[in-house]
């Protein structure tokens, strides 16, 4: 049973095959870079500071270094060069 669950999970991580043979991609719940879980579109590993600053606690004051890292991660997440 555990093996079947792992196969089912991997099927959804990879994407769903379409009739034309082109692999359709759904929005992954896991990071393509490190495999960690995403929350609200943020990787809990690669974009931890951005998630905290912009989603979890947007009203809090953070240090300049923390916010610089958060903005760098946000631009990476959005696909912009940092």
Protein backbone atom coordinates (compact mmCIF):
# COMPACT_ATOMS: atom_id res chain seq x y z
CA UNK A 1 0.00 0.00 0.00
CA UNK A 2 2.83 2.43 0.85
CA UNK A 3 4.45 1.77 -2.52
CA UNK A 4 1.19 2.60 -4.31
CA UNK A 5 0.90 5.84 -2.32
CA UNK A 6 4.45 6.84 -3.29
CA UNK A 7 3.73 6.16 -6.95
CA UNK A 8 0.53 8.20 -6.80
CA UNK A 9 2.35 11.11 -5.09
CA UNK A 10 5.16 11.07 -7.66
CA UNK A 11 2.59 11.05 -10.48
CA UNK A 12 1.15 14.34 -9.26
CA UNK A 13 4.55 15.89 -8.52
CA UNK A 14 5.70 15.25 -12.09
CA UNK A 15 2.59 16.50 -13.82
CA UNK A 16 -0.22 14.81 -15.67
CA UNK A 17 0.26 13.23 -19.08
CA UNK A 18 -1.99 14.65 -21.78
CA UNK A 19 -3.42 12.81 -24.79
CA UNK A 20 -0.95 14.50 -27.12
CA UNK A 21 1.98 13.14 -25.14
CA UNK A 22 3.05 16.57 -23.97
CA UNK A 23 3.38 16.67 -20.24
CA UNK A 24 0.86 19.05 -18.73
CA UNK A 25 2.06 20.80 -15.60
CA UNK A 26 -0.18 21.70 -12.72
CA UNK A 27 1.01 24.14 -10.10
CA UNK A 28 3.36 22.07 -7.99
CA UNK A 29 3.02 21.97 -4.23
CA UNK A 30 6.77 21.34 -4.05
CA UNK A 31 9.75 23.46 -5.07
CA UNK A 32 11.41 22.55 -8.37
CA UNK A 33 14.83 23.51 -6.95
CA UNK A 34 14.91 21.74 -3.57
CA UNK A 35 11.71 19.66 -3.34
CA UNK A 36 10.42 21.34 -0.18
CA UNK A 37 6.75 22.14 0.29
CA UNK A 38 5.35 25.43 -1.02
CA UNK A 39 2.93 27.55 1.00
CA UNK A 40 1.05 30.37 -0.78
CA UNK A 41 3.45 29.94 -3.70
CA UNK A 42 6.57 30.35 -1.55
CA UNK A 43 9.06 27.53 -1.01
CA UNK A 44 9.44 27.00 2.74
CA UNK A 45 13.19 26.56 2.22
CA UNK A 46 14.33 28.76 -0.68
CA UNK A 47 11.93 31.67 -0.05
CA UNK A 48 11.54 31.51 3.72
CA UNK A 49 12.27 35.19 4.37
CA UNK A 50 9.96 36.35 1.57
CA UNK A 51 7.14 34.18 2.90
CA UNK A 52 7.56 35.55 6.41
CA UNK A 53 7.86 39.19 5.31
CA UNK A 54 5.07 39.28 2.73
CA UNK A 55 2.59 36.57 3.77
CA UNK A 56 3.01 35.53 7.38
CA UNK A 57 3.79 38.85 9.11
CA UNK A 58 3.52 41.77 6.66
CA UNK A 59 2.86 44.29 9.46
CA UNK A 60 6.03 43.49 11.42
CA UNK A 61 9.22 45.52 11.22
CA UNK A 62 12.28 43.60 10.03
CA UNK A 63 15.97 44.48 9.75
CA UNK A 64 17.35 45.87 6.50
CA UNK A 65 19.33 42.68 5.89
CA UNK A 66 16.23 40.51 6.35
CA UNK A 67 14.14 42.66 4.01
CA UNK A 68 16.89 42.77 1.37
CA UNK A 69 17.01 38.97 1.41
CA UNK A 70 13.19 38.84 1.28
CA UNK A 71 13.08 41.17 -1.75
CA UNK A 72 15.83 39.15 -3.48
CA UNK A 73 13.83 35.97 -2.92
CA UNK A 74 10.62 37.65 -4.12
CA UNK A 75 12.28 38.73 -7.35
CA UNK A 76 13.67 35.19 -7.87
CA UNK A 77 10.22 33.73 -7.24
CA UNK A 78 8.69 36.12 -9.75
CA UNK A 79 11.34 35.13 -12.31
CA UNK A 80 13.11 38.47 -12.34
CA UNK A 81 16.90 38.74 -12.22
CA UNK A 82 18.12 39.70 -8.76
